[in-house]
PDB file of N, CA and C in Angstrom:
ATOM      1  N   MET A   1      96.951  96.288 105.096  1.00  0.00           N
ATOM      2  CA  MET A   1      96.807  97.044 103.866  1.00  0.00           C
ATOM      3  C   MET A   1      96.930  98.538 104.127  1.00  0.00           C
ATOM      4  N   ILE A   2      96.145  99.037 105.044  1.00  0.00           N
ATOM      5  CA  ILE A   2      96.193 100.450 105.375  1.00  0.00           C
ATOM      6  C   ILE A   2      97.070 100.606 106.607  1.00  0.00           C
ATOM      7  N   GLU A   3      97.997 101.530 106.560  1.00  0.00           N
ATOM      8  CA  GLU A   3      98.880 101.761 107.690  1.00  0.00           C
ATOM      9  C   GLU A   3      98.068 102.274 108.870  1.00  0.00           C
ATOM     10  N   ALA A   4      98.531 101.980 110.093  1.00  0.00           N
ATOM     11  CA  ALA A   4      97.809 102.362 111.303  1.00  0.00           C
ATOM     12  C   ALA A   4      97.627 103.874 111.396  1.00  0.00           C
ATOM     13  N   GLN A   5      98.612 104.639 110.962  1.00  0.00           N
ATOM     14  CA  GLN A   5      98.502 106.088 111.078  1.00  0.00           C
ATOM     15  C   GLN A   5      97.434 106.668 110.163  1.00  0.00           C
ATOM     16  N   SER A   6      97.140 106.030 109.024  1.00  0.00           N
ATOM     17  CA  SER A   6      96.154 106.581 108.099  1.00  0.00           C
ATOM     18  C   SER A   6      94.718 106.315 108.552  1.00  0.00           C
ATOM     19  N   LYS A   7      94.511 105.404 109.517  1.00  0.00           N
ATOM     20  CA  LYS A   7      93.158 105.111 109.986  1.00  0.00           C
ATOM     21  C   LYS A   7      92.540 106.315 110.694  1.00  0.00           C
ATOM     22  N   ASP A   8      93.364 107.147 111.307  1.00  0.00           N
ATOM     23  CA  ASP A   8      92.865 108.305 112.034  1.00  0.00           C
ATOM     24  C   ASP A   8      92.790 109.547 111.163  1.00  0.00           C
ATOM     25  N   GLN A   9      93.232 109.477 109.938  1.00  0.00           N
ATOM     26  CA  GLN A   9      93.239 110.650 109.069  1.00  0.00           C
ATOM     27  C   GLN A   9      91.856 110.907 108.495  1.00  0.00           C
ATOM     28  N   ARG A  10      91.498 112.178 108.418  1.00  0.00           N
ATOM     29  CA  ARG A  10      90.253 112.622 107.800  1.00  0.00           C
ATOM     30  C   ARG A  10      90.577 113.873 107.017  1.00  0.00           C
ATOM     31  N   TYR A  11      89.837 114.093 105.960  1.00  0.00           N
ATOM     32  CA  TYR A  11      90.003 115.329 105.206  1.00  0.00           C
ATOM     33  C   TYR A  11      88.644 115.761 104.665  1.00  0.00           C
ATOM     34  N   PRO A  12      88.490 117.055 104.361  1.00  0.00           N
ATOM     35  CA  PRO A  12      87.200 117.554 103.865  1.00  0.00           C
ATOM     36  C   PRO A  12      86.833 116.906 102.525  1.00  0.00           C
ATOM     37  N   CYS A  13      85.548 116.633 102.369  1.00  0.00           N
ATOM     38  CA  CYS A  13      85.053 116.029 101.127  1.00  0.00           C
ATOM     39  C   CYS A  13      85.098 117.054 100.000  1.00  0.00           C
ATOM     40  N   GLN A  14      85.679 116.672  98.879  1.00  0.00           N
ATOM     41  CA  GLN A  14      85.760 117.548  97.711  1.00  0.00           C
ATOM     42  C   GLN A  14      84.467 117.541  96.896  1.00  0.00           C
ATOM     43  N   ASN A  15      83.552 116.622  97.227  1.00  0.00           N
ATOM     44  CA  ASN A  15      82.296 116.519  96.502  1.00  0.00           C
ATOM     45  C   ASN A  15      81.215 117.417  97.119  1.00  0.00           C
ATOM     46  N   CYS A  16      80.952 117.256  98.426  1.00  0.00           N
ATOM     47  CA  CYS A  16      79.869 118.008  99.065  1.00  0.00           C
ATOM     48  C   CYS A  16      80.371 119.203  99.873  1.00  0.00           C
ATOM     49  N   HIS A  17      81.634 119.247 100.185  1.00  0.00           N
ATOM     50  CA  HIS A  17      82.260 120.334 100.946  1.00  0.00           C
ATOM     51  C   HIS A  17      81.676 120.488 102.350  1.00  0.00           C
ATOM     52  N   ALA A  18      80.869 119.546 102.807  1.00  0.00           N
ATOM     53  CA  ALA A  18      80.284 119.626 104.140  1.00  0.00           C
ATOM     54  C   ALA A  18      80.782 118.493 105.034  1.00  0.00           C
ATOM     55  N   GLY A  19      81.017 117.344 104.444  1.00  0.00           N
ATOM     56  CA  GLY A  19      81.417 116.177 105.221  1.00  0.00           C
ATOM     57  C   GLY A  19      82.918 115.992 105.273  1.00  0.00           C
ATOM     58  N   HIS A  20      83.299 114.939 105.980  1.00  0.00           N
ATOM     59  CA  HIS A  20      84.701 114.568 106.069  1.00  0.00           C
ATOM     60  C   HIS A  20      84.861 113.137 105.565  1.00  0.00           C
ATOM     61  N   VAL A  21      85.942 112.910 104.848  1.00  0.00           N
ATOM     62  CA  VAL A  21      86.236 111.599 104.281  1.00  0.00           C
ATOM     63  C   VAL A  21      87.198 110.882 105.220  1.00  0.00           C
ATOM     64  N   SER A  22      86.878 109.637 105.547  1.00  0.00           N
ATOM     65  CA  SER A  22      87.748 108.829 106.400  1.00  0.00           C
ATOM     66  C   SER A  22      87.798 107.410 105.841  1.00  0.00           C
ATOM     67  N   ILE A  23      88.814 106.665 106.292  1.00  0.00           N
ATOM     68  CA  ILE A  23      88.979 105.304 105.795  1.00  0.00           C
ATOM     69  C   ILE A  23      87.967 104.384 106.482  1.00  0.00           C
ATOM     70  N   GLN A  24      87.331 103.524 105.677  1.00  0.00           N
ATOM     71  CA  GLN A  24      86.400 102.518 106.184  1.00  0.00           C
ATOM     72  C   GLN A  24      86.622 101.247 105.386  1.00  0.00           C
ATOM     73  N   HIS A  25      86.175 100.136 105.934  1.00  0.00           N
ATOM     74  CA  HIS A  25      86.241  98.869 105.203  1.00  0.00           C
ATOM     75  C   HIS A  25      84.823  98.506 104.780  1.00  0.00           C
ATOM     76  N   ILE A  26      84.634  98.413 103.478  1.00  0.00           N
ATOM     77  CA  ILE A  26      83.311  98.179 102.901  1.00  0.00           C
ATOM     78  C   ILE A  26      83.361  96.952 102.002  1.00  0.00           C
ATOM     79  N   THR A  27      82.216  96.571 101.460  1.00  0.00           N
ATOM     80  CA  THR A  27      82.176  95.491 100.471  1.00  0.00           C
ATOM     81  C   THR A  27      82.302  96.114  99.086  1.00  0.00           C
ATOM     82  N   TYR A  28      83.291  95.658  98.325  1.00  0.00           N
ATOM     83  CA  TYR A  28      83.560  96.165  96.981  1.00  0.00           C
ATOM     84  C   TYR A  28      82.903  95.218  95.979  1.00  0.00           C
ATOM     85  N   PHE A  29      82.199  95.785  95.004  1.00  0.00           N
ATOM     86  CA  PHE A  29      81.518  95.008  93.971  1.00  0.00           C
ATOM     87  C   PHE A  29      82.132  95.327  92.616  1.00  0.00           C
ATOM     88  N   THR A  30      82.353  94.300  91.794  1.00  0.00           N
ATOM     89  CA  THR A  30      82.839  94.503  90.432  1.00  0.00           C
ATOM     90  C   THR A  30      82.364  93.343  89.567  1.00  0.00           C
ATOM     91  N   TRP A  31      82.355  93.559  88.280  1.00  0.00           N
ATOM     92  CA  TRP A  31      81.970  92.518  87.319  1.00  0.00           C
ATOM     93  C   TRP A  31      83.223  91.959  86.669  1.00  0.00           C
ATOM     94  N   LEU A  32      83.278  90.637  86.526  1.00  0.00           N
ATOM     95  CA  LEU A  32      84.397  89.969  85.866  1.00  0.00           C
ATOM     96  C   LEU A  32      83.834  88.876  84.981  1.00  0.00           C
ATOM     97  N   SER A  33      83.996  89.042  83.692  1.00  0.00           N
ATOM     98  CA  SER A  33      83.508  88.071  82.708  1.00  0.00           C
ATOM     99  C   SER A  33      82.032  87.739  82.919  1.00  0.00           C
ATOM    100  N   GLY A  34      81.219  88.768  83.162  1.00  0.00           N
ATOM    101  CA  GLY A  34      79.788  88.581  83.303  1.00  0.00           C
ATOM    102  C   GLY A  34      79.340  88.065  84.666  1.00  0.00           C
ATOM    103  N   GLU A  35      80.273  87.926  85.615  1.00  0.00           N
ATOM    104  CA  GLU A  35      79.929  87.466  86.949  1.00  0.00           C
ATOM    105  C   GLU A  35      80.194  88.569  87.959  1.00  0.00           C
ATOM    106  N   LEU A  36      79.282  88.701  88.935  1.00  0.00           N
ATOM    107  CA  LEU A  36      79.445  89.688  89.985  1.00  0.00           C
ATOM    108  C   LEU A  36      80.414  89.151  91.033  1.00  0.00           C
ATOM    109  N   ILE A  37      81.444  89.921  91.308  1.00  0.00           N
ATOM    110  CA  ILE A  37      82.449  89.555  92.306  1.00  0.00           C
ATOM    111  C   ILE A  37      82.287  90.513  93.488  1.00  0.00           C
ATOM    112  N   THR A  38      82.241  89.990  94.702  1.00  0.00           N
ATOM    113  CA  THR A  38      82.180  90.827  95.901  1.00  0.00           C
ATOM    114  C   THR A  38      83.436  90.587  96.728  1.00  0.00           C
ATOM    115  N   VAL A  39      83.990  91.674  97.242  1.00  0.00           N
ATOM    116  CA  VAL A  39      85.193  91.602  98.065  1.00  0.00           C
ATOM    117  C   VAL A  39      84.866  92.264  99.405  1.00  0.00           C
ATOM    118  N   PRO A  40      84.746  91.487 100.479  1.00  0.00           N
ATOM    119  CA  PRO A  40      84.434  92.080 101.780  1.00  0.00           C
ATOM    120  C   PRO A  40      85.659  92.765 102.383  1.00  0.00           C
ATOM    121  N   ASP A  41      85.426  93.685 103.292  1.00  0.00           N
ATOM    122  CA  ASP A  41      86.482  94.387 104.032  1.00  0.00           C
ATOM    123  C   ASP A  41      87.481  95.082 103.123  1.00  0.00           C
ATOM    124  N   PHE A  42      86.983  95.714 102.087  1.00  0.00           N
ATOM    125  CA  PHE A  42      87.849  96.416 101.134  1.00  0.00           C
ATOM    126  C   PHE A  42      88.021  97.857 101.606  1.00  0.00           C
ATOM    127  N   PRO A  43      89.264  98.370 101.649  1.00  0.00           N
ATOM    128  CA  PRO A  43      89.490  99.731 102.146  1.00  0.00           C
ATOM    129  C   PRO A  43      89.022 100.797 101.157  1.00  0.00           C
ATOM    130  N   ALA A  44      88.308 101.786 101.694  1.00  0.00           N
ATOM    131  CA  ALA A  44      87.824 102.894 100.872  1.00  0.00           C
ATOM    132  C   ALA A  44      87.723 104.139 101.741  1.00  0.00           C
ATOM    133  N   TRP A  45      87.879 105.288 101.104  1.00  0.00           N
ATOM    134  CA  TRP A  45      87.682 106.570 101.771  1.00  0.00           C
ATOM    135  C   TRP A  45      86.229 106.955 101.523  1.00  0.00           C
ATOM    136  N   VAL A  46      85.439 107.147 102.611  1.00  0.00           N
ATOM    137  CA  VAL A  46      84.000 107.380 102.505  1.00  0.00           C
ATOM    138  C   VAL A  46      83.639 108.682 103.228  1.00  0.00           C
ATOM    139  N   CYS A  47      82.833 109.515 102.547  1.00  0.00           N
ATOM    140  CA  CYS A  47      82.362 110.770 103.145  1.00  0.00           C
ATOM    141  C   CYS A  47      81.214 110.463 104.096  1.00  0.00           C
ATOM    142  N   ASP A  48      81.253 111.081 105.292  1.00  0.00           N
ATOM    143  CA  ASP A  48      80.206 110.837 106.275  1.00  0.00           C
ATOM    144  C   ASP A  48      78.914 111.606 105.982  1.00  0.00           C
ATOM    145  N   MET A  49      78.933 112.518 105.013  1.00  0.00           N
ATOM    146  CA  MET A  49      77.721 113.272 104.661  1.00  0.00           C
ATOM    147  C   MET A  49      77.094 112.780 103.359  1.00  0.00           C
ATOM    148  N   CYS A  50      77.854 112.803 102.272  1.00  0.00           N
ATOM    149  CA  CYS A  50      77.270 112.463 100.963  1.00  0.00           C
ATOM    150  C   CYS A  50      77.508 111.007 100.553  1.00  0.00           C
ATOM    151  N   GLY A  51      78.386 110.294 101.258  1.00  0.00           N
ATOM    152  CA  GLY A  51      78.621 108.886 100.951  1.00  0.00           C
ATOM    153  C   GLY A  51      79.578 108.634  99.801  1.00  0.00           C
ATOM    154  N   LEU A  52      80.211 109.671  99.290  1.00  0.00           N
ATOM    155  CA  LEU A  52      81.177 109.500  98.203  1.00  0.00           C
ATOM    156  C   LEU A  52      82.228 108.479  98.610  1.00  0.00           C
ATOM    157  N   ARG A  53      82.568 107.571  97.694  1.00  0.00           N
ATOM    158  CA  ARG A  53      83.575 106.542  97.972  1.00  0.00           C
ATOM    159  C   ARG A  53      84.744 106.700  97.026  1.00  0.00           C
ATOM    160  N   GLU A  54      85.930 106.699  97.587  1.00  0.00           N
ATOM    161  CA  GLU A  54      87.167 106.686  96.817  1.00  0.00           C
ATOM    162  C   GLU A  54      87.935 105.458  97.280  1.00  0.00           C
ATOM    163  N   TYR A  55      88.147 104.523  96.371  1.00  0.00           N
ATOM    164  CA  TYR A  55      88.779 103.264  96.751  1.00  0.00           C
ATOM    165  C   TYR A  55      90.288 103.430  96.860  1.00  0.00           C
ATOM    166  N   ASP A  56      90.879 102.708  97.809  1.00  0.00           N
ATOM    167  CA  ASP A  56      92.315 102.729  98.023  1.00  0.00           C
ATOM    168  C   ASP A  56      93.017 102.211  96.764  1.00  0.00           C
ATOM    169  N   GLN A  57      93.895 103.022  96.188  1.00  0.00           N
ATOM    170  CA  GLN A  57      94.524 102.687  94.906  1.00  0.00           C
ATOM    171  C   GLN A  57      95.434 101.468  95.008  1.00  0.00           C
ATOM    172  N   ARG A  58      96.149 101.329  96.104  1.00  0.00           N
ATOM    173  CA  ARG A  58      97.034 100.169  96.252  1.00  0.00           C
ATOM    174  C   ARG A  58      96.212  98.886  96.340  1.00  0.00           C
ATOM    175  N   ALA A  59      95.101  98.929  97.078  1.00  0.00           N
ATOM    176  CA  ALA A  59      94.236  97.751  97.190  1.00  0.00           C
ATOM    177  C   ALA A  59      93.608  97.407  95.835  1.00  0.00           C
ATOM    178  N   LEU A  60      93.223  98.434  95.064  1.00  0.00           N
ATOM    179  CA  LEU A  60      92.683  98.180  93.717  1.00  0.00           C
ATOM    180  C   LEU A  60      93.721  97.527  92.816  1.00  0.00           C
ATOM    181  N   SER A  61      94.966  97.970  92.914  1.00  0.00           N
ATOM    182  CA  SER A  61      96.041  97.373  92.106  1.00  0.00           C
ATOM    183  C   SER A  61      96.230  95.903  92.465  1.00  0.00           C
ATOM    184  N   TRP A  62      96.249  95.607  93.766  1.00  0.00           N
ATOM    185  CA  TRP A  62      96.396  94.220  94.190  1.00  0.00           C
ATOM    186  C   TRP A  62      95.220  93.379  93.721  1.00  0.00           C
ATOM    187  N   LEU A  63      94.009  93.915  93.819  1.00  0.00           N
ATOM    188  CA  LEU A  63      92.829  93.178  93.390  1.00  0.00           C
ATOM    189  C   LEU A  63      92.878  92.899  91.890  1.00  0.00           C
ATOM    190  N   ASN A  64      93.301  93.881  91.097  1.00  0.00           N
ATOM    191  CA  ASN A  64      93.412  93.675  89.647  1.00  0.00           C
ATOM    192  C   ASN A  64      94.425  92.587  89.318  1.00  0.00           C
ATOM    193  N   ILE A  65      95.505  92.523  90.070  1.00  0.00           N
ATOM    194  CA  ILE A  65      96.496  91.464  89.841  1.00  0.00           C
ATOM    195  C   ILE A  65      95.902  90.102  90.185  1.00  0.00           C
ATOM    196  N   ILE A  66      95.207  90.034  91.316  1.00  0.00           N
ATOM    197  CA  ILE A  66      94.618  88.764  91.756  1.00  0.00           C
ATOM    198  C   ILE A  66      93.553  88.283  90.779  1.00  0.00           C
ATOM    199  N   LEU A  67      92.723  89.193  90.267  1.00  0.00           N
ATOM    200  CA  LEU A  67      91.617  88.812  89.379  1.00  0.00           C
ATOM    201  C   LEU A  67      92.034  88.667  87.920  1.00  0.00           C
ATOM    202  N   SER A  68      93.270  88.999  87.596  1.00  0.00           N
ATOM    203  CA  SER A  68      93.731  88.897  86.210  1.00  0.00           C
ATOM    204  C   SER A  68      93.714  87.433  85.759  1.00  0.00           C
ATOM    205  N   PRO A  69      93.196  87.169  84.567  1.00  0.00           N
ATOM    206  CA  PRO A  69      93.160  85.786  84.092  1.00  0.00           C
ATOM    207  C   PRO A  69      94.549  85.207  83.834  1.00  0.00           C
ATOM    208  N   ASP A  70      95.563  86.048  83.740  1.00  0.00           N
ATOM    209  CA  ASP A  70      96.928  85.573  83.485  1.00  0.00           C
ATOM    210  C   ASP A  70      97.734  85.361  84.758  1.00  0.00           C
ATOM    211  N   THR A  71      97.146  85.595  85.916  1.00  0.00           N
ATOM    212  CA  THR A  71      97.861  85.428  87.179  1.00  0.00           C
ATOM    213  C   THR A  71      98.275  83.973  87.349  1.00  0.00           C
ATOM    214  N   GLY A  72      99.543  83.762  87.652  1.00  0.00           N
ATOM    215  CA  GLY A  72     100.060  82.417  87.872  1.00  0.00           C
ATOM    216  C   GLY A  72     100.513  81.696  86.621  1.00  0.00           C
ATOM    217  N   ARG A  73     100.302  82.274  85.483  1.00  0.00           N
ATOM    218  CA  ARG A  73     100.731  81.646  84.233  1.00  0.00           C
ATOM    219  C   ARG A  73     102.080  82.198  83.823  1.00  0.00           C
ATOM    220  N   LYS A  74     102.896  81.332  83.258  1.00  0.00           N
ATOM    221  CA  LYS A  74     104.183  81.773  82.736  1.00  0.00           C
ATOM    222  C   LYS A  74     103.949  82.505  81.431  1.00  0.00           C
ATOM    223  N   LYS A  75     104.692  83.577  81.256  1.00  0.00           N
ATOM    224  CA  LYS A  75     104.580  84.317  80.004  1.00  0.00           C
ATOM    225  C   LYS A  75     105.316  83.558  78.917  1.00  0.00           C
ATOM    226  N   GLN A  76     104.642  83.385  77.786  1.00  0.00           N
ATOM    227  CA  GLN A  76     105.261  82.711  76.655  1.00  0.00           C
ATOM    228  C   GLN A  76     105.892  83.750  75.754  1.00  0.00           C
ATOM    229  N   ALA A  77     107.104  83.448  75.340  1.00  0.00           N
ATOM    230  CA  ALA A  77     107.792  84.367  74.445  1.00  0.00           C
ATOM    231  C   ALA A  77     107.107  84.331  73.085  1.00  0.00           C
ATOM    232  N   ALA A  78     106.874  85.489  72.537  1.00  0.00           N
ATOM    233  CA  ALA A  78     106.238  85.572  71.222  1.00  0.00           C
ATOM    234  C   ALA A  78     107.228  85.102  70.157  1.00  0.00           C
ATOM    235  N   LYS A  79     106.717  84.299  69.243  1.00  0.00           N
ATOM    236  CA  LYS A  79     107.576  83.826  68.159  1.00  0.00           C
ATOM    237  C   LYS A  79     107.797  84.961  67.180  1.00  0.00           C
ATOM    238  N   GLN A  80     109.056  85.207  66.879  1.00  0.00           N
ATOM    239  CA  GLN A  80     109.384  86.268  65.947  1.00  0.00           C
ATOM    240  C   GLN A  80     109.654  85.657  64.583  1.00  0.00           C
ATOM    241  N   PRO A  81     109.077  86.246  63.546  1.00  0.00           N
ATOM    242  CA  PRO A  81     109.315  85.711  62.206  1.00  0.00           C
ATOM    243  C   PRO A  81     110.782  85.909  61.812  1.00  0.00           C
ATOM    244  N   VAL A  82     111.264  84.979  61.020  1.00  0.00           N
ATOM    245  CA  VAL A  82     112.644  85.053  60.538  1.00  0.00           C
ATOM    246  C   VAL A  82     112.703  86.105  59.442  1.00  0.00           C
ATOM    247  N   SER A  83     113.643  87.007  59.567  1.00  0.00           N
ATOM    248  CA  SER A  83     113.757  88.064  58.562  1.00  0.00           C
ATOM    249  C   SER A  83     114.266  87.471  57.247  1.00  0.00           C
ATOM    250  N   PRO A  84     113.912  88.082  56.111  1.00  0.00           N
ATOM    251  CA  PRO A  84     114.308  87.546  54.806  1.00  0.00           C
ATOM    252  C   PRO A  84     115.823  87.416  54.650  1.00  0.00           C
ATOM    253  N   SER A  85     116.597  88.267  55.267  1.00  0.00           N
ATOM    254  CA  SER A  85     118.053  88.189  55.108  1.00  0.00           C
ATOM    255  C   SER A  85     118.645  86.984  55.826  1.00  0.00           C
ATOM    256  N   LYS A  86     117.927  86.395  56.784  1.00  0.00           N
ATOM    257  CA  LYS A  86     118.440  85.241  57.532  1.00  0.00           C
ATOM    258  C   LYS A  86     117.890  83.934  57.008  1.00  0.00           C
ATOM    259  N   ARG A  87     116.995  83.977  56.055  1.00  0.00           N
ATOM    260  CA  ARG A  87     116.445  82.754  55.478  1.00  0.00           C
ATOM    261  C   ARG A  87     117.460  82.154  54.501  1.00  0.00           C
ATOM    262  N   PRO A  88     117.513  80.816  54.425  1.00  0.00           N
ATOM    263  CA  PRO A  88     118.424  80.205  53.451  1.00  0.00           C
ATOM    264  C   PRO A  88     117.940  80.479  52.022  1.00  0.00           C
ATOM    265  N   ALA A  89     118.875  80.665  51.165  1.00  0.00           N
ATOM    266  CA  ALA A  89     118.530  80.932  49.764  1.00  0.00           C
ATOM    267  C   ALA A  89     118.024  79.652  49.104  1.00  0.00           C
ATOM    268  N   ILE A  90     117.005  79.793  48.284  1.00  0.00           N
ATOM    269  CA  ILE A  90     116.448  78.657  47.552  1.00  0.00           C
ATOM    270  C   ILE A  90     117.194  78.542  46.226  1.00  0.00           C
ATOM    271  N   GLN A  91     117.736  77.346  45.979  1.00  0.00           N
ATOM    272  CA  GLN A  91     118.499  77.109  44.754  1.00  0.00           C
ATOM    273  C   GLN A  91     117.538  76.622  43.658  1.00  0.00           C
ATOM    274  N   PRO A  92     117.555  77.280  42.534  1.00  0.00           N
ATOM    275  CA  PRO A  92     116.671  76.836  41.441  1.00  0.00           C
ATOM    276  C   PRO A  92     117.153  75.502  40.858  1.00  0.00           C
ATOM    277  N   ASP A  93     116.193  74.698  40.442  1.00  0.00           N
ATOM    278  CA  ASP A  93     116.512  73.420  39.787  1.00  0.00           C
ATOM    279  C   ASP A  93     116.971  73.700  38.356  1.00  0.00           C
ATOM    280  N   ILE A  94     118.112  73.128  37.990  1.00  0.00           N
ATOM    281  CA  ILE A  94     118.628  73.326  36.622  1.00  0.00           C
ATOM    282  C   ILE A  94     118.622  72.032  35.880  1.00  0.00           C
TER     283      ILE A  94
END
């Protein structure tokens, strides 16, 4: 998930301005339909001073796809109503 070169990268924390943010693998918690979901070894940028966490955006995107209730289902084409100009004309009874 995280490239080898980014594991050694650190940058100053924008929250506390004292610590450094580096990549770590943590347990990610989220709620889905009223149930608590935990994801172990989830990549996040964590400050060593204040503990601020910024989750890896690519990993979050993948997780959202995996947890989507529509994952694996074929998309059904929406039925479009027939426009009035394409409907057959109704002949009055004489």
